[in-house]
Amino acid sequence: QVQLVESGGDLVQPGGSLRLSCAASGTIFSTDLMGWYRQAPGKQRELVATVTSGRGTNYADSVKGRFTISRDNAKNTVDLQMNSLKPEDTAVYYCYAYVAIRGRGYWGQGTQVTVSS
């Protein structure tokens, strides 16, 4: 089985920065996709950023230039550095991994990010 545990969510002022971390237990290969999604109140869950060793990184247009996803395959972790945060970035952020050998995706429990003055 694969388990994902997020950390780093917090209350931050507009323009501030946060770094989210996700630690995965279980077997995840470097070619498996890992990433971050978010869900704001009353809205659908949406992609934020993903990373694979083969296809590189992918970002939602709304976060390009402000967020950076990084991955440490040796430690099975994926981080999301968020800069220049805006109130519209407020959401629960979920870590995600798709494990090809198992043919399914896994979600973390989520971490709350609130951007407010």
N, C-alpha and C. Protein backbone atom coordinates (compact mmCIF):
# COMPACT_ATOMS: atom_id res chain seq x y z
N GLN A 1 0.83 -1.20 0.00
CA GLN A 1 0.00 0.00 0.00
C GLN A 1 0.86 1.25 0.00
N VAL A 2 0.27 2.35 -0.45
CA VAL A 2 0.95 3.64 -0.48
C VAL A 2 0.18 4.61 0.42
N GLN A 3 0.90 5.30 1.27
CA GLN A 3 0.29 6.33 2.11
C GLN A 3 1.02 7.64 1.88
N LEU A 4 0.25 8.73 1.82
CA LEU A 4 0.80 10.06 1.60
C LEU A 4 0.42 10.95 2.78
N VAL A 5 1.40 11.64 3.33
CA VAL A 5 1.15 12.51 4.48
C VAL A 5 1.68 13.90 4.16
N GLU A 6 0.77 14.88 4.17
CA GLU A 6 1.15 16.26 3.86
C GLU A 6 1.44 17.03 5.15
N SER A 7 2.23 18.08 5.02
CA SER A 7 2.49 19.00 6.11
C SER A 7 2.84 20.36 5.54
N GLY A 8 2.76 21.39 6.39
CA GLY A 8 3.20 22.71 5.98
C GLY A 8 2.09 23.73 5.78
N GLY A 9 0.84 23.30 5.80
CA GLY A 9 -0.24 24.25 5.64
C GLY A 9 -0.30 25.24 6.80
N ASP A 10 -0.77 26.46 6.50
CA ASP A 10 -0.78 27.49 7.54
C ASP A 10 -1.59 28.68 7.07
N LEU A 11 -1.72 29.66 7.95
CA LEU A 11 -2.31 30.95 7.62
C LEU A 11 -1.17 31.90 7.26
N VAL A 12 -1.28 32.54 6.10
CA VAL A 12 -0.22 33.43 5.65
C VAL A 12 -0.85 34.68 5.02
N GLN A 13 -0.14 35.78 5.10
CA GLN A 13 -0.64 37.03 4.52
C GLN A 13 -0.45 37.04 3.01
N PRO A 14 -1.27 37.79 2.29
CA PRO A 14 -1.06 37.93 0.85
C PRO A 14 0.35 38.40 0.54
N GLY A 15 0.94 37.79 -0.48
CA GLY A 15 2.32 38.10 -0.83
C GLY A 15 3.34 37.24 -0.13
N GLY A 16 2.90 36.47 0.84
CA GLY A 16 3.80 35.62 1.60
C GLY A 16 4.12 34.31 0.91
N SER A 17 4.88 33.47 1.61
CA SER A 17 5.32 32.19 1.06
C SER A 17 5.04 31.06 2.04
N LEU A 18 4.86 29.89 1.49
CA LEU A 18 4.72 28.65 2.26
C LEU A 18 5.36 27.52 1.48
N ARG A 19 5.80 26.52 2.21
CA ARG A 19 6.33 25.31 1.58
C ARG A 19 5.56 24.12 2.11
N LEU A 20 4.92 23.41 1.22
CA LEU A 20 4.21 22.19 1.57
C LEU A 20 5.10 20.98 1.29
N SER A 21 5.00 19.99 2.14
CA SER A 21 5.76 18.76 1.95
C SER A 21 4.83 17.56 1.99
N CYS A 22 5.18 16.55 1.22
CA CYS A 22 4.41 15.31 1.20
C CYS A 22 5.40 14.15 1.29
N ALA A 23 5.21 13.31 2.29
CA ALA A 23 6.05 12.13 2.47
C ALA A 23 5.24 10.90 2.11
N ALA A 24 5.82 10.06 1.24
CA ALA A 24 5.13 8.86 0.80
C ALA A 24 5.77 7.62 1.39
N SER A 25 4.94 6.71 1.86
CA SER A 25 5.43 5.40 2.29
C SER A 25 4.93 4.37 1.30
N GLY A 26 5.69 3.29 1.14
CA GLY A 26 5.34 2.30 0.12
C GLY A 26 6.19 2.51 -1.12
N THR A 27 5.96 1.67 -2.11
CA THR A 27 6.80 1.69 -3.30
C THR A 27 6.24 2.65 -4.34
N ILE A 28 7.01 3.67 -4.63
CA ILE A 28 6.69 4.62 -5.70
C ILE A 28 7.93 4.76 -6.55
N PHE A 29 7.79 4.58 -7.84
CA PHE A 29 8.93 4.67 -8.74
C PHE A 29 9.08 6.11 -9.24
N SER A 30 10.30 6.44 -9.64
CA SER A 30 10.56 7.80 -10.11
C SER A 30 9.74 8.13 -11.35
N THR A 31 9.33 7.10 -12.09
CA THR A 31 8.51 7.34 -13.28
C THR A 31 7.04 7.52 -12.96
N ASP A 32 6.65 7.23 -11.72
CA ASP A 32 5.25 7.45 -11.32
C ASP A 32 5.00 8.95 -11.13
N LEU A 33 3.80 9.36 -11.47
CA LEU A 33 3.44 10.77 -11.32
C LEU A 33 3.15 11.09 -9.85
N MET A 34 3.67 12.21 -9.40
CA MET A 34 3.32 12.74 -8.08
C MET A 34 2.99 14.21 -8.25
N GLY A 35 2.16 14.73 -7.37
CA GLY A 35 1.81 16.13 -7.52
C GLY A 35 0.91 16.65 -6.43
N TRP A 36 0.41 17.83 -6.67
CA TRP A 36 -0.45 18.53 -5.72
C TRP A 36 -1.73 18.99 -6.42
N TYR A 37 -2.84 18.83 -5.72
CA TYR A 37 -4.13 19.34 -6.13
C TYR A 37 -4.65 20.21 -4.99
N ARG A 38 -5.67 21.00 -5.28
CA ARG A 38 -6.28 21.80 -4.22
C ARG A 38 -7.79 21.89 -4.43
N GLN A 39 -8.47 22.13 -3.31
CA GLN A 39 -9.92 22.27 -3.36
C GLN A 39 -10.34 23.41 -2.45
N ALA A 40 -10.91 24.44 -3.04
CA ALA A 40 -11.43 25.58 -2.30
C ALA A 40 -12.89 25.31 -1.94
N PRO A 41 -13.40 25.98 -0.91
CA PRO A 41 -14.80 25.77 -0.51
C PRO A 41 -15.76 26.02 -1.67
N GLY A 42 -16.64 25.07 -1.90
CA GLY A 42 -17.64 25.21 -2.95
C GLY A 42 -17.14 24.99 -4.35
N LYS A 43 -15.87 24.57 -4.49
CA LYS A 43 -15.30 24.36 -5.82
C LYS A 43 -14.81 22.94 -5.97
N GLN A 44 -14.59 22.55 -7.23
CA GLN A 44 -14.06 21.21 -7.49
C GLN A 44 -12.56 21.16 -7.23
N ARG A 45 -12.07 19.97 -6.95
CA ARG A 45 -10.64 19.79 -6.78
C ARG A 45 -9.95 20.05 -8.12
N GLU A 46 -8.83 20.78 -8.08
CA GLU A 46 -8.13 21.14 -9.30
C GLU A 46 -6.64 20.86 -9.19
N LEU A 47 -6.04 20.60 -10.35
CA LEU A 47 -4.60 20.36 -10.39
C LEU A 47 -3.84 21.64 -10.08
N VAL A 48 -2.78 21.51 -9.30
CA VAL A 48 -1.86 22.61 -9.04
C VAL A 48 -0.55 22.39 -9.80
N ALA A 49 0.07 21.24 -9.54
CA ALA A 49 1.34 20.93 -10.20
C ALA A 49 1.62 19.45 -10.09
N THR A 50 2.29 18.90 -11.11
CA THR A 50 2.69 17.50 -11.09
C THR A 50 4.13 17.39 -11.56
N VAL A 51 4.75 16.25 -11.23
CA VAL A 51 6.13 16.01 -11.63
C VAL A 51 6.35 14.53 -11.85
N THR A 52 7.05 14.20 -12.92
CA THR A 52 7.54 12.84 -13.15
C THR A 52 8.94 12.95 -13.70
N SER A 53 9.71 11.89 -13.53
CA SER A 53 11.09 11.95 -14.01
C SER A 53 11.13 11.96 -15.53
N GLY A 54 10.11 11.38 -16.16
CA GLY A 54 10.13 11.31 -17.61
C GLY A 54 9.54 12.53 -18.30
N ARG A 55 8.46 13.06 -17.75
CA ARG A 55 7.73 14.16 -18.42
C ARG A 55 7.97 15.50 -17.78
N GLY A 56 8.77 15.57 -16.74
CA GLY A 56 9.08 16.84 -16.12
C GLY A 56 7.93 17.37 -15.29
N THR A 57 7.77 18.69 -15.27
CA THR A 57 6.78 19.33 -14.43
C THR A 57 5.64 19.92 -15.24
N ASN A 58 4.49 20.06 -14.58
CA ASN A 58 3.31 20.65 -15.20
C ASN A 58 2.63 21.51 -14.15
N TYR A 59 2.23 22.72 -14.53
CA TYR A 59 1.62 23.65 -13.59
C TYR A 59 0.29 24.17 -14.12
N ALA A 60 -0.62 24.45 -13.20
CA ALA A 60 -1.82 25.17 -13.57
C ALA A 60 -1.42 26.59 -13.96
N ASP A 61 -2.13 27.16 -14.91
CA ASP A 61 -1.79 28.52 -15.36
C ASP A 61 -1.84 29.52 -14.21
N SER A 62 -2.74 29.29 -13.27
CA SER A 62 -2.93 30.24 -12.18
C SER A 62 -1.74 30.30 -11.21
N VAL A 63 -0.87 29.30 -11.26
CA VAL A 63 0.26 29.27 -10.30
C VAL A 63 1.62 29.36 -11.00
N LYS A 64 1.63 29.36 -12.31
CA LYS A 64 2.91 29.42 -13.03
C LYS A 64 3.68 30.68 -12.65
N GLY A 65 4.95 30.49 -12.39
CA GLY A 65 5.80 31.62 -12.01
C GLY A 65 5.78 31.93 -10.52
N ARG A 66 4.85 31.33 -9.80
CA ARG A 66 4.77 31.57 -8.35
C ARG A 66 5.04 30.31 -7.54
N PHE A 67 4.64 29.16 -8.05
CA PHE A 67 4.81 27.89 -7.34
C PHE A 67 5.87 27.04 -8.03
N THR A 68 6.59 26.27 -7.23
CA THR A 68 7.59 25.36 -7.77
C THR A 68 7.45 24.00 -7.09
N ILE A 69 7.29 22.96 -7.91
CA ILE A 69 7.22 21.61 -7.39
C ILE A 69 8.58 20.95 -7.50
N SER A 70 8.92 20.18 -6.48
CA SER A 70 10.20 19.47 -6.50
C SER A 70 10.01 18.09 -5.87
N ARG A 71 10.88 17.19 -6.26
CA ARG A 71 10.73 15.80 -5.83
C ARG A 71 12.08 15.21 -5.48
N ASP A 72 12.09 14.42 -4.40
CA ASP A 72 13.28 13.70 -4.00
C ASP A 72 12.94 12.21 -4.07
N ASN A 73 13.37 11.55 -5.12
CA ASN A 73 13.01 10.15 -5.32
C ASN A 73 13.63 9.24 -4.27
N ALA A 74 14.80 9.60 -3.78
CA ALA A 74 15.45 8.78 -2.76
C ALA A 74 14.67 8.79 -1.45
N LYS A 75 14.07 9.94 -1.15
CA LYS A 75 13.32 10.07 0.11
C LYS A 75 11.82 9.86 -0.08
N ASN A 76 11.38 9.71 -1.32
CA ASN A 76 9.94 9.58 -1.62
C ASN A 76 9.16 10.78 -1.11
N THR A 77 9.66 11.96 -1.41
CA THR A 77 8.95 13.17 -1.00
C THR A 77 8.71 14.07 -2.21
N VAL A 78 7.66 14.87 -2.10
CA VAL A 78 7.39 15.88 -3.12
C VAL A 78 6.97 17.16 -2.39
N ASP A 79 7.61 18.27 -2.72
CA ASP A 79 7.37 19.54 -2.06
C ASP A 79 6.74 20.53 -3.03
N LEU A 80 6.07 21.51 -2.46
CA LEU A 80 5.50 22.59 -3.25
C LEU A 80 5.88 23.91 -2.59
N GLN A 81 6.75 24.65 -3.24
CA GLN A 81 7.14 25.97 -2.76
C GLN A 81 6.17 26.97 -3.36
N MET A 82 5.49 27.71 -2.50
CA MET A 82 4.48 28.66 -2.95
C MET A 82 4.90 30.07 -2.56
N ASN A 83 5.11 30.91 -3.54
CA ASN A 83 5.49 32.30 -3.33
C ASN A 83 4.41 33.23 -3.84
N SER A 84 4.49 34.48 -3.41
CA SER A 84 3.53 35.50 -3.87
C SER A 84 2.10 35.01 -3.73
N LEU A 85 1.78 34.49 -2.59
CA LEU A 85 0.46 33.88 -2.37
C LEU A 85 -0.65 34.93 -2.44
N LYS A 86 -1.78 34.49 -2.96
CA LYS A 86 -2.94 35.35 -3.12
C LYS A 86 -4.12 34.76 -2.34
N PRO A 87 -5.09 35.58 -1.98
CA PRO A 87 -6.26 35.03 -1.28
C PRO A 87 -6.94 33.90 -2.05
N GLU A 88 -6.90 33.96 -3.37
CA GLU A 88 -7.54 32.91 -4.16
C GLU A 88 -6.76 31.58 -4.14
N ASP A 89 -5.60 31.57 -3.52
CA ASP A 89 -4.87 30.32 -3.32
C ASP A 89 -5.37 29.57 -2.09
N THR A 90 -6.25 30.18 -1.34
CA THR A 90 -6.80 29.54 -0.15
C THR A 90 -7.55 28.27 -0.53
N ALA A 91 -7.16 27.16 0.07
CA ALA A 91 -7.76 25.87 -0.25
C ALA A 91 -7.15 24.79 0.64
N VAL A 92 -7.74 23.61 0.58
CA VAL A 92 -7.09 22.43 1.14
C VAL A 92 -6.23 21.84 0.02
N TYR A 93 -4.96 21.63 0.31
CA TYR A 93 -4.02 21.11 -0.67
C TYR A 93 -3.78 19.63 -0.41
N TYR A 94 -3.91 18.85 -1.49
CA TYR A 94 -3.80 17.40 -1.40
C TYR A 94 -2.60 16.91 -2.20
N CYS A 95 -1.86 16.02 -1.61
CA CYS A 95 -0.80 15.33 -2.32
C CYS A 95 -1.39 14.15 -3.06
N TYR A 96 -0.86 13.87 -4.25
CA TYR A 96 -1.39 12.79 -5.08
C TYR A 96 -0.23 12.01 -5.70
N ALA A 97 -0.43 10.70 -5.82
CA ALA A 97 0.53 9.86 -6.51
C ALA A 97 -0.21 8.82 -7.34
N TYR A 98 0.20 8.65 -8.58
CA TYR A 98 -0.35 7.57 -9.40
C TYR A 98 0.72 6.52 -9.56
N VAL A 99 0.45 5.34 -9.04
CA VAL A 99 1.42 4.25 -9.07
C VAL A 99 1.04 3.30 -10.20
N ALA A 100 1.81 3.35 -11.27
CA ALA A 100 1.45 2.63 -12.49
C ALA A 100 1.39 1.12 -12.28
N ILE A 101 2.30 0.58 -11.49
CA ILE A 101 2.33 -0.87 -11.30
C ILE A 101 1.08 -1.36 -10.58
N ARG A 102 0.43 -0.48 -9.81
CA ARG A 102 -0.81 -0.84 -9.12
C ARG A 102 -2.04 -0.38 -9.91
N GLY A 103 -1.84 0.44 -10.90
CA GLY A 103 -2.94 0.91 -11.72
C GLY A 103 -3.94 1.81 -11.00
N ARG A 104 -3.46 2.58 -10.02
CA ARG A 104 -4.39 3.44 -9.28
C ARG A 104 -3.67 4.62 -8.67
N GLY A 105 -4.46 5.61 -8.28
CA GLY A 105 -3.92 6.77 -7.63
C GLY A 105 -4.18 6.75 -6.14
N TYR A 106 -3.40 7.55 -5.43
CA TYR A 106 -3.51 7.65 -3.97
C TYR A 106 -3.56 9.14 -3.59
N TRP A 107 -4.31 9.43 -2.53
CA TRP A 107 -4.44 10.79 -2.03
C TRP A 107 -4.00 10.88 -0.58
N GLY A 108 -3.44 12.04 -0.24
CA GLY A 108 -3.19 12.33 1.16
C GLY A 108 -4.44 12.87 1.81
N GLN A 109 -4.33 13.21 3.10
CA GLN A 109 -5.50 13.66 3.84
C GLN A 109 -5.76 15.16 3.65
N GLY A 110 -4.79 15.87 3.12
CA GLY A 110 -4.96 17.30 2.86
C GLY A 110 -4.39 18.18 3.95
N THR A 111 -3.96 19.37 3.56
CA THR A 111 -3.45 20.36 4.50
C THR A 111 -4.02 21.72 4.11
N GLN A 112 -4.47 22.48 5.11
CA GLN A 112 -5.16 23.73 4.85
C GLN A 112 -4.18 24.87 4.64
N VAL A 113 -4.37 25.61 3.55
CA VAL A 113 -3.62 26.84 3.29
C VAL A 113 -4.63 27.98 3.24
N THR A 114 -4.42 28.97 4.09
CA THR A 114 -5.29 30.14 4.12
C THR A 114 -4.46 31.38 3.89
N VAL A 115 -4.84 32.16 2.88
CA VAL A 115 -4.13 33.39 2.56
C VAL A 115 -5.07 34.55 2.87
N SER A 116 -4.73 35.28 3.92
CA SER A 116 -5.61 36.35 4.38
C SER A 116 -4.83 37.34 5.22
N SER A 117 -5.26 38.59 5.16
CA SER A 117 -4.64 39.61 6.00
C SER A 117 -5.44 39.77 7.29
